[in-house]
Amino acid sequence: MRNDLVTFKSNRRIARQLWGQISPAVLSRLKELTGQYLLSVPAGDLLLLHGRWYVTHNGLLGLARRNRCAGIKVQPVQSFCEPSAQRWAFEATVYKSKACRGFVGYGDADPSNVSPLVRGAEMRVAETRAVNRALRKAYGIGICSVEEIGTSPSMAEKIPPQSAFGNGNGNGTGPKVRDRLCQIIRQYQLDPELVKAYAVEFCGTKTLRDATREQVENFVQSLADWAQKDRNALLCQLNSYAAQKQPEVVA
């Protein structure tokens, strides 16, 4: 089923809508990743950051499911963990089949090597990095996963400033709403610019600055619910804004 849905043509089209003009070398790499692993750009399996492709945790788990992975074992490496300093290390073992001896990967995280968006969640980041590395080893994925490097600073910079969330009456709700939105964008690997475009339409205003605090809170709650229930449908909705902003480039 996945083989019928994922094609290089569709991946290239959505990639151009999301990231604009892409060099032939980068498109060639995308063609390889599509053909070898059936990774989908619209499903959020791949991200293009600074001219390089990165696989996502979502993409790696999907690859494991398609290949009938027998199981994943994860455990902390106690000698490298220091809870008081939010420093964690995990070992993950991926078993491709019941007879597989296992592919091992390690992941670590502490406040110095994670994005500010996920501060306080270092333990979960370390676990995810370990699982990602083990999956990449098991299935021969040569590109790094985005979770292993943390959230790209350029993505965080695209998120609107606090003043864009609410009407500025200063009761402290604005920053909390923004933090929740940042968390959703990171968790579900959404494009901040497309989320912003969707928010403007959802609130029925010309810009987010014109939206009331209640309108933005309702949008964030709706976005979270939709992302949890049907992320692929949400991505299709967001991609429609990219199509509106950029005409498709014909090869």
C-alpha atoms as a PDB file:
ATOM      1  CA  MET A   1       0.000   0.000   0.000  1.00  0.00           C
ATOM      2  CA  ARG A   2       2.762   2.443   0.924  1.00  0.00           C
ATOM      3  CA  ASN A   3       4.576   1.681  -2.346  1.00  0.00           C
ATOM      4  CA  ASP A   4       1.547   2.937  -4.309  1.00  0.00           C
ATOM      5  CA  LEU A   5       1.291   6.148  -2.318  1.00  0.00           C
ATOM      6  CA  VAL A   6       4.896   7.347  -2.116  1.00  0.00           C
ATOM      7  CA  THR A   7       6.542   8.466  -5.336  1.00  0.00           C
ATOM      8  CA  PHE A   8       9.516  10.674  -6.083  1.00  0.00           C
ATOM      9  CA  LYS A   9       7.261  12.953  -8.152  1.00  0.00           C
ATOM     10  CA  SER A  10       4.931  13.628  -5.221  1.00  0.00           C
ATOM     11  CA  ASN A  11       7.838  14.043  -2.798  1.00  0.00           C
ATOM     12  CA  ARG A  12       9.547  16.495  -5.152  1.00  0.00           C
ATOM     13  CA  ARG A  13       6.358  18.506  -5.644  1.00  0.00           C
ATOM     14  CA  ILE A  14       5.664  18.889  -1.911  1.00  0.00           C
ATOM     15  CA  ALA A  15       9.343  19.531  -1.139  1.00  0.00           C
ATOM     16  CA  ARG A  16       9.381  22.428  -3.617  1.00  0.00           C
ATOM     17  CA  GLN A  17       6.196  23.827  -2.122  1.00  0.00           C
ATOM     18  CA  LEU A  18       7.697  23.683   1.364  1.00  0.00           C
ATOM     19  CA  TRP A  19      11.289  24.752   0.691  1.00  0.00           C
ATOM     20  CA  GLY A  20      11.270  26.473  -2.700  1.00  0.00           C
ATOM     21  CA  GLN A  21      13.970  25.899  -5.294  1.00  0.00           C
ATOM     22  CA  ILE A  22      16.017  22.753  -4.564  1.00  0.00           C
ATOM     23  CA  SER A  23      19.335  21.887  -6.168  1.00  0.00           C
ATOM     24  CA  PRO A  24      19.616  18.868  -8.523  1.00  0.00           C
ATOM     25  CA  ALA A  25      21.993  17.138  -6.101  1.00  0.00           C
ATOM     26  CA  VAL A  26      19.512  17.420  -3.240  1.00  0.00           C
ATOM     27  CA  LEU A  27      16.675  16.187  -5.472  1.00  0.00           C
ATOM     28  CA  SER A  28      18.825  13.257  -6.565  1.00  0.00           C
ATOM     29  CA  ARG A  29      19.312  12.291  -2.921  1.00  0.00           C
ATOM     30  CA  LEU A  30      15.566  12.605  -2.367  1.00  0.00           C
ATOM     31  CA  LYS A  31      14.976  10.232  -5.273  1.00  0.00           C
ATOM     32  CA  GLU A  32      17.294   7.671  -3.663  1.00  0.00           C
ATOM     33  CA  LEU A  33      15.593   7.957  -0.272  1.00  0.00           C
ATOM     34  CA  THR A  34      12.168   7.615  -1.865  1.00  0.00           C
ATOM     35  CA  GLY A  35      13.109   4.563  -3.912  1.00  0.00           C
ATOM     36  CA  GLN A  36      15.085   2.730  -1.222  1.00  0.00           C
ATOM     37  CA  TYR A  37      13.016   3.445   1.883  1.00  0.00           C
ATOM     38  CA  LEU A  38       9.629   4.827   0.702  1.00  0.00           C
ATOM     39  CA  LEU A  39      10.083   7.872   2.938  1.00  0.00           C
ATOM     40  CA  SER A  40       7.352  10.477   2.429  1.00  0.00           C
ATOM     41  CA  VAL A  41       7.846  14.244   2.550  1.00  0.00           C
ATOM     42  CA  PRO A  42       4.130  15.095   3.037  1.00  0.00           C
ATOM     43  CA  ALA A  43       3.899  12.531   5.861  1.00  0.00           C
ATOM     44  CA  GLY A  44       6.781  14.242   7.661  1.00  0.00           C
ATOM     45  CA  ASP A  45       9.310  11.421   7.203  1.00  0.00           C
ATOM     46  CA  LEU A  46      11.969  13.786   5.852  1.00  0.00           C
ATOM     47  CA  LEU A  47      13.049  17.374   6.532  1.00  0.00           C
ATOM     48  CA  LEU A  48      15.329  19.573   4.439  1.00  0.00           C
ATOM     49  CA  LEU A  49      17.542  21.749   6.647  1.00  0.00           C
ATOM     50  CA  HIS A  50      20.390  23.865   5.288  1.00  0.00           C
ATOM     51  CA  GLY A  51      20.498  21.873   2.050  1.00  0.00           C
ATOM     52  CA  ARG A  52      20.631  18.435   3.677  1.00  0.00           C
ATOM     53  CA  TRP A  53      17.974  15.766   4.189  1.00  0.00           C
ATOM     54  CA  TYR A  54      17.218  14.515   7.692  1.00  0.00           C
ATOM     55  CA  VAL A  55      14.980  11.584   8.538  1.00  0.00           C
ATOM     56  CA  THR A  56      12.484  12.001  11.389  1.00  0.00           C
ATOM     57  CA  HIS A  57      11.502   9.713  14.249  1.00  0.00           C
ATOM     58  CA  ASN A  58       8.130   9.338  12.544  1.00  0.00           C
ATOM     59  CA  GLY A  59       9.831   8.232   9.317  1.00  0.00           C
ATOM     60  CA  LEU A  60      12.061   5.695  11.058  1.00  0.00           C
ATOM     61  CA  LEU A  61       9.171   4.134  12.982  1.00  0.00           C
ATOM     62  CA  GLY A  62       7.189   3.881   9.758  1.00  0.00           C
ATOM     63  CA  LEU A  63      10.118   2.149   8.065  1.00  0.00           C
ATOM     64  CA  ALA A  64      10.346  -0.308  10.961  1.00  0.00           C
ATOM     65  CA  ARG A  65       6.625  -1.102  10.723  1.00  0.00           C
ATOM     66  CA  ARG A  66       6.794  -1.686   6.974  1.00  0.00           C
ATOM     67  CA  ASN A  67       9.694  -4.097   7.490  1.00  0.00           C
ATOM     68  CA  ARG A  68       7.883  -5.918  10.316  1.00  0.00           C
ATOM     69  CA  CYS A  69      10.397  -5.015  13.004  1.00  0.00           C
ATOM     70  CA  ALA A  70      10.193  -7.617  15.792  1.00  0.00           C
ATOM     71  CA  GLY A  71      10.817  -5.178  18.626  1.00  0.00           C
ATOM     72  CA  ILE A  72      12.854  -2.389  20.209  1.00  0.00           C
ATOM     73  CA  LYS A  73      14.418  -2.596  23.670  1.00  0.00           C
ATOM     74  CA  VAL A  74      15.471   0.620  25.413  1.00  0.00           C
ATOM     75  CA  GLN A  75      17.270   1.024  28.738  1.00  0.00           C
ATOM     76  CA  PRO A  76      19.170   3.818  30.478  1.00  0.00           C
ATOM     77  CA  VAL A  77      22.952   3.689  30.700  1.00  0.00           C
ATOM     78  CA  GLN A  78      23.147   4.393  34.419  1.00  0.00           C
ATOM     79  CA  SER A  79      26.841   5.238  34.519  1.00  0.00           C
ATOM     80  CA  PHE A  80      26.276   8.177  32.144  1.00  0.00           C
ATOM     81  CA  CYS A  81      23.046   9.462  33.700  1.00  0.00           C
ATOM     82  CA  GLU A  82      22.973  12.384  36.120  1.00  0.00           C
ATOM     83  CA  PRO A  83      19.317  13.259  36.850  1.00  0.00           C
ATOM     84  CA  SER A  84      20.161  16.303  38.964  1.00  0.00           C
ATOM     85  CA  ALA A  85      21.866  17.879  35.932  1.00  0.00           C
ATOM     86  CA  GLN A  86      19.230  16.662  33.444  1.00  0.00           C
ATOM     87  CA  ARG A  87      21.901  14.523  31.789  1.00  0.00           C
ATOM     88  CA  TRP A  88      20.676  11.217  30.324  1.00  0.00           C
ATOM     89  CA  ALA A  89      21.990   8.398  28.146  1.00  0.00           C
ATOM     90  CA  PHE A  90      20.084   5.444  26.715  1.00  0.00           C
ATOM     91  CA  GLU A  91      20.898   2.261  24.861  1.00  0.00           C
ATOM     92  CA  ALA A  92      18.420   1.003  22.270  1.00  0.00           C
ATOM     93  CA  THR A  93      18.446  -2.371  20.540  1.00  0.00           C
ATOM     94  CA  VAL A  94      16.411  -3.005  17.397  1.00  0.00           C
ATOM     95  CA  TYR A  95      15.442  -6.578  16.496  1.00  0.00           C
ATOM     96  CA  LYS A  96      14.539  -6.857  12.823  1.00  0.00           C
ATOM     97  CA  SER A  97      13.278 -10.402  13.330  1.00  0.00           C
ATOM     98  CA  LYS A  98      12.882 -12.910  16.138  1.00  0.00           C
ATOM     99  CA  ALA A  99      16.216 -14.473  15.158  1.00  0.00           C
ATOM    100  CA  CYS A 100      18.046 -11.125  14.928  1.00  0.00           C
ATOM    101  CA  ARG A 101      20.846 -10.569  17.446  1.00  0.00           C
ATOM    102  CA  GLY A 102      20.047  -6.873  17.525  1.00  0.00           C
ATOM    103  CA  PHE A 103      21.375  -3.544  16.282  1.00  0.00           C
ATOM    104  CA  VAL A 104      22.493  -1.263  19.106  1.00  0.00           C
ATOM    105  CA  GLY A 105      22.438   2.518  19.199  1.00  0.00           C
ATOM    106  CA  TYR A 106      23.160   5.067  21.930  1.00  0.00           C
ATOM    107  CA  GLY A 107      21.678   8.483  22.546  1.00  0.00           C
ATOM    108  CA  ASP A 108      22.439  11.194  25.090  1.00  0.00           C
ATOM    109  CA  ALA A 109      20.934  14.547  25.966  1.00  0.00           C
ATOM    110  CA  ASP A 110      21.528  17.353  28.418  1.00  0.00           C
ATOM    111  CA  PRO A 111      20.678  21.082  28.492  1.00  0.00           C
ATOM    112  CA  SER A 112      23.768  21.897  26.414  1.00  0.00           C
ATOM    113  CA  ASN A 113      22.795  19.809  23.375  1.00  0.00           C
ATOM    114  CA  VAL A 114      19.018  20.169  23.075  1.00  0.00           C
ATOM    115  CA  SER A 115      16.894  22.958  21.666  1.00  0.00           C
ATOM    116  CA  PRO A 116      15.423  25.501  24.096  1.00  0.00           C
ATOM    117  CA  LEU A 117      12.018  24.268  22.894  1.00  0.00           C
ATOM    118  CA  VAL A 118      12.528  20.917  24.636  1.00  0.00           C
ATOM    119  CA  ARG A 119      14.356  22.000  27.790  1.00  0.00           C
ATOM    120  CA  GLY A 120      13.138  19.863  30.667  1.00  0.00           C
ATOM    121  CA  ALA A 121      12.496  16.865  28.385  1.00  0.00           C
ATOM    122  CA  GLU A 122      16.113  15.727  28.088  1.00  0.00           C
ATOM    123  CA  MET A 123      15.336  12.168  29.202  1.00  0.00           C
ATOM    124  CA  ARG A 124      12.795  11.674  26.413  1.00  0.00           C
ATOM    125  CA  VAL A 125      15.113  13.296  23.878  1.00  0.00           C
ATOM    126  CA  ALA A 126      17.936  10.930  24.845  1.00  0.00           C
ATOM    127  CA  GLU A 127      15.648   7.907  24.516  1.00  0.00           C
ATOM    128  CA  THR A 128      14.413   9.043  21.094  1.00  0.00           C
ATOM    129  CA  ARG A 129      17.966   9.638  19.877  1.00  0.00           C
ATOM    130  CA  ALA A 130      19.006   6.141  20.955  1.00  0.00           C
ATOM    131  CA  VAL A 131      16.042   4.543  19.181  1.00  0.00           C
ATOM    132  CA  ASN A 132      16.676   6.587  16.041  1.00  0.00           C
ATOM    133  CA  ARG A 133      20.334   5.631  15.880  1.00  0.00           C
ATOM    134  CA  ALA A 134      19.564   1.941  16.387  1.00  0.00           C
ATOM    135  CA  LEU A 135      16.893   2.044  13.669  1.00  0.00           C
ATOM    136  CA  ARG A 136      19.256   3.801  11.268  1.00  0.00           C
ATOM    137  CA  LYS A 137      21.834   1.085  11.833  1.00  0.00           C
ATOM    138  CA  ALA A 138      19.299  -1.707  11.453  1.00  0.00           C
ATOM    139  CA  TYR A 139      17.905  -0.464   8.156  1.00  0.00           C
ATOM    140  CA  GLY A 140      20.995   1.139   6.676  1.00  0.00           C
ATOM    141  CA  ILE A 141      19.872   4.789   6.806  1.00  0.00           C
ATOM    142  CA  GLY A 142      22.957   6.881   6.137  1.00  0.00           C
ATOM    143  CA  ILE A 143      21.429  10.285   6.847  1.00  0.00           C
ATOM    144  CA  CYS A 144      21.144  11.644  10.383  1.00  0.00           C
ATOM    145  CA  SER A 145      17.790  11.977  12.121  1.00  0.00           C
ATOM    146  CA  VAL A 146      16.614  15.476  12.987  1.00  0.00           C
ATOM    147  CA  GLU A 147      16.036  14.501  16.631  1.00  0.00           C
ATOM    148  CA  GLU A 148      19.713  13.579  16.979  1.00  0.00           C
ATOM    149  CA  ILE A 149      20.736  17.138  16.212  1.00  0.00           C
ATOM    150  CA  GLY A 150      17.841  18.779  18.024  1.00  0.00           C
ATOM    151  CA  THR A 151      15.390  21.252  16.517  1.00  0.00           C
ATOM    152  CA  SER A 152      17.004  23.482  13.942  1.00  0.00           C
ATOM    153  CA  PRO A 153      17.494  27.065  15.176  1.00  0.00           C
ATOM    154  CA  SER A 154      16.194  28.324  11.841  1.00  0.00           C
ATOM    155  CA  MET A 155      12.885  26.574  12.474  1.00  0.00           C
ATOM    156  CA  ALA A 156      12.565  28.117  15.914  1.00  0.00           C
ATOM    157  CA  GLU A 157      13.278  31.542  14.481  1.00  0.00           C
ATOM    158  CA  LYS A 158      10.265  31.204  12.168  1.00  0.00           C
ATOM    159  CA  ILE A 159       7.863  30.947  15.096  1.00  0.00           C
ATOM    160  CA  PRO A 160       6.115  34.299  15.591  1.00  0.00           C
ATOM    161  CA  PRO A 161       7.184  36.435  18.584  1.00  0.00           C
ATOM    162  CA  GLN A 162       5.136  36.524  21.774  1.00  0.00           C
ATOM    163  CA  SER A 163       3.497  39.768  20.776  1.00  0.00           C
ATOM    164  CA  ALA A 164       1.783  37.972  17.903  1.00  0.00           C
ATOM    165  CA  PHE A 165      -0.137  35.776  20.335  1.00  0.00           C
ATOM    166  CA  GLY A 166      -2.890  37.703  21.997  1.00  0.00           C
ATOM    167  CA  ASN A 167      -3.826  41.346  22.282  1.00  0.00           C
ATOM    168  CA  GLY A 168      -1.062  42.344  24.682  1.00  0.00           C
ATOM    169  CA  ASN A 169      -3.037  43.055  27.836  1.00  0.00           C
ATOM    170  CA  GLY A 170      -0.232  41.513  29.851  1.00  0.00           C
ATOM    171  CA  ASN A 171      -1.873  38.806  31.946  1.00  0.00           C
ATOM    172  CA  GLY A 172       0.751  36.226  30.949  1.00  0.00           C
ATOM    173  CA  THR A 173      -1.406  34.000  28.746  1.00  0.00           C
ATOM    174  CA  GLY A 174       0.453  34.925  25.532  1.00  0.00           C
ATOM    175  CA  PRO A 175       3.805  33.286  26.310  1.00  0.00           C
ATOM    176  CA  LYS A 176       2.046  30.139  27.569  1.00  0.00           C
ATOM    177  CA  VAL A 177       0.121  29.853  24.315  1.00  0.00           C
ATOM    178  CA  ARG A 178       3.301  30.385  22.327  1.00  0.00           C
ATOM    179  CA  ASP A 179       5.135  27.709  24.322  1.00  0.00           C
ATOM    180  CA  ARG A 180       2.313  25.248  23.661  1.00  0.00           C
ATOM    181  CA  LEU A 181       2.379  26.049  19.943  1.00  0.00           C
ATOM    182  CA  CYS A 182       6.165  25.576  19.828  1.00  0.00           C
ATOM    183  CA  GLN A 183       5.737  22.202  21.492  1.00  0.00           C
ATOM    184  CA  ILE A 184       3.128  21.077  18.946  1.00  0.00           C
ATOM    185  CA  ILE A 185       5.280  22.220  16.007  1.00  0.00           C
ATOM    186  CA  ARG A 186       8.290  20.347  17.368  1.00  0.00           C
ATOM    187  CA  GLN A 187       6.397  17.208  18.398  1.00  0.00           C
ATOM    188  CA  TYR A 188       4.624  16.732  15.077  1.00  0.00           C
ATOM    189  CA  GLN A 189       7.364  18.168  12.830  1.00  0.00           C
ATOM    190  CA  LEU A 190       5.199  20.924  11.361  1.00  0.00           C
ATOM    191  CA  ASP A 191       6.383  23.841   9.244  1.00  0.00           C
ATOM    192  CA  PRO A 192       6.083  27.022  11.369  1.00  0.00           C
ATOM    193  CA  GLU A 193       5.335  29.300   8.407  1.00  0.00           C
ATOM    194  CA  LEU A 194       2.493  27.070   7.191  1.00  0.00           C
ATOM    195  CA  VAL A 195       1.116  26.813  10.725  1.00  0.00           C
ATOM    196  CA  LYS A 196       1.136  30.619  10.918  1.00  0.00           C
ATOM    197  CA  ALA A 197      -0.751  30.872   7.602  1.00  0.00           C
ATOM    198  CA  TYR A 198      -3.320  28.384   8.850  1.00  0.00           C
ATOM    199  CA  ALA A 199      -3.686  30.296  12.125  1.00  0.00           C
ATOM    200  CA  VAL A 200      -4.467  33.535  10.303  1.00  0.00           C
ATOM    201  CA  GLU A 201      -7.225  31.845   8.307  1.00  0.00           C
ATOM    202  CA  PHE A 202      -8.537  30.029  11.379  1.00  0.00           C
ATOM    203  CA  CYS A 203      -8.785  33.260  13.364  1.00  0.00           C
ATOM    204  CA  GLY A 204     -10.291  35.154  10.431  1.00  0.00           C
ATOM    205  CA  THR A 205      -7.866  38.074  10.731  1.00  0.00           C
ATOM    206  CA  LYS A 206      -5.330  39.710   8.429  1.00  0.00           C
ATOM    207  CA  THR A 207      -2.424  38.913  10.750  1.00  0.00           C
ATOM    208  CA  LEU A 208      -1.949  37.082  14.044  1.00  0.00           C
ATOM    209  CA  ARG A 209      -1.386  40.423  15.745  1.00  0.00           C
ATOM    210  CA  ASP A 210      -5.021  41.233  15.033  1.00  0.00           C
ATOM    211  CA  ALA A 211      -6.287  38.021  16.659  1.00  0.00           C
ATOM    212  CA  THR A 212      -7.613  38.007  20.213  1.00  0.00           C
ATOM    213  CA  ARG A 213      -6.012  35.834  22.838  1.00  0.00           C
ATOM    214  CA  GLU A 214      -9.109  33.618  22.920  1.00  0.00           C
ATOM    215  CA  GLN A 215      -8.981  33.090  19.160  1.00  0.00           C
ATOM    216  CA  VAL A 216      -5.332  32.015  19.293  1.00  0.00           C
ATOM    217  CA  GLU A 217      -5.959  29.714  22.259  1.00  0.00           C
ATOM    218  CA  ASN A 218      -8.807  28.057  20.338  1.00  0.00           C
ATOM    219  CA  PHE A 219      -6.537  27.637  17.314  1.00  0.00           C
ATOM    220  CA  VAL A 220      -3.739  26.035  19.343  1.00  0.00           C
ATOM    221  CA  GLN A 221      -6.172  23.601  20.950  1.00  0.00           C
ATOM    222  CA  SER A 222      -7.670  22.715  17.567  1.00  0.00           C
ATOM    223  CA  LEU A 223      -4.210  22.225  16.064  1.00  0.00           C
ATOM    224  CA  ALA A 224      -3.182  19.913  18.907  1.00  0.00           C
ATOM    225  CA  ASP A 225      -6.342  17.813  18.591  1.00  0.00           C
ATOM    226  CA  TRP A 226      -6.012  17.489  14.819  1.00  0.00           C
ATOM    227  CA  ALA A 227      -2.309  16.616  14.969  1.00  0.00           C
ATOM    228  CA  GLN A 228      -2.979  13.873  17.498  1.00  0.00           C
ATOM    229  CA  LYS A 229      -5.990  12.372  15.712  1.00  0.00           C
ATOM    230  CA  ASP A 230      -4.895  12.607  12.053  1.00  0.00           C
ATOM    231  CA  ARG A 231      -1.471  14.132  11.416  1.00  0.00           C
ATOM    232  CA  ASN A 232      -1.502  13.245   7.699  1.00  0.00           C
ATOM    233  CA  ALA A 233      -4.757  15.144   7.157  1.00  0.00           C
ATOM    234  CA  LEU A 234      -3.308  18.128   9.011  1.00  0.00           C
ATOM    235  CA  LEU A 235      -0.203  18.050   6.798  1.00  0.00           C
ATOM    236  CA  CYS A 236      -2.405  18.091   3.708  1.00  0.00           C
ATOM    237  CA  GLN A 237      -4.194  21.147   5.103  1.00  0.00           C
ATOM    238  CA  LEU A 238      -0.901  22.922   5.840  1.00  0.00           C
ATOM    239  CA  ASN A 239       0.562  22.018   2.456  1.00  0.00           C
ATOM    240  CA  SER A 240      -2.370  23.747   0.775  1.00  0.00           C
ATOM    241  CA  TYR A 241      -1.003  27.056   2.062  1.00  0.00           C
ATOM    242  CA  ALA A 242       2.385  26.326   0.524  1.00  0.00           C
ATOM    243  CA  ALA A 243       0.674  25.682  -2.788  1.00  0.00           C
ATOM    244  CA  GLN A 244      -1.111  29.037  -2.541  1.00  0.00           C
ATOM    245  CA  LYS A 245       2.098  30.918  -1.756  1.00  0.00           C
ATOM    246  CA  GLN A 246       4.371  29.313  -4.339  1.00  0.00           C
ATOM    247  CA  PRO A 247       3.551  28.221  -7.900  1.00  0.00           C
ATOM    248  CA  GLU A 248       4.760  24.729  -8.720  1.00  0.00           C
ATOM    249  CA  VAL A 249       8.049  24.595 -10.615  1.00  0.00           C
ATOM    250  CA  VAL A 250       7.910  22.267 -13.597  1.00  0.00           C
ATOM    251  CA  ALA A 251      11.029  20.146 -14.094  1.00  0.00           C
END
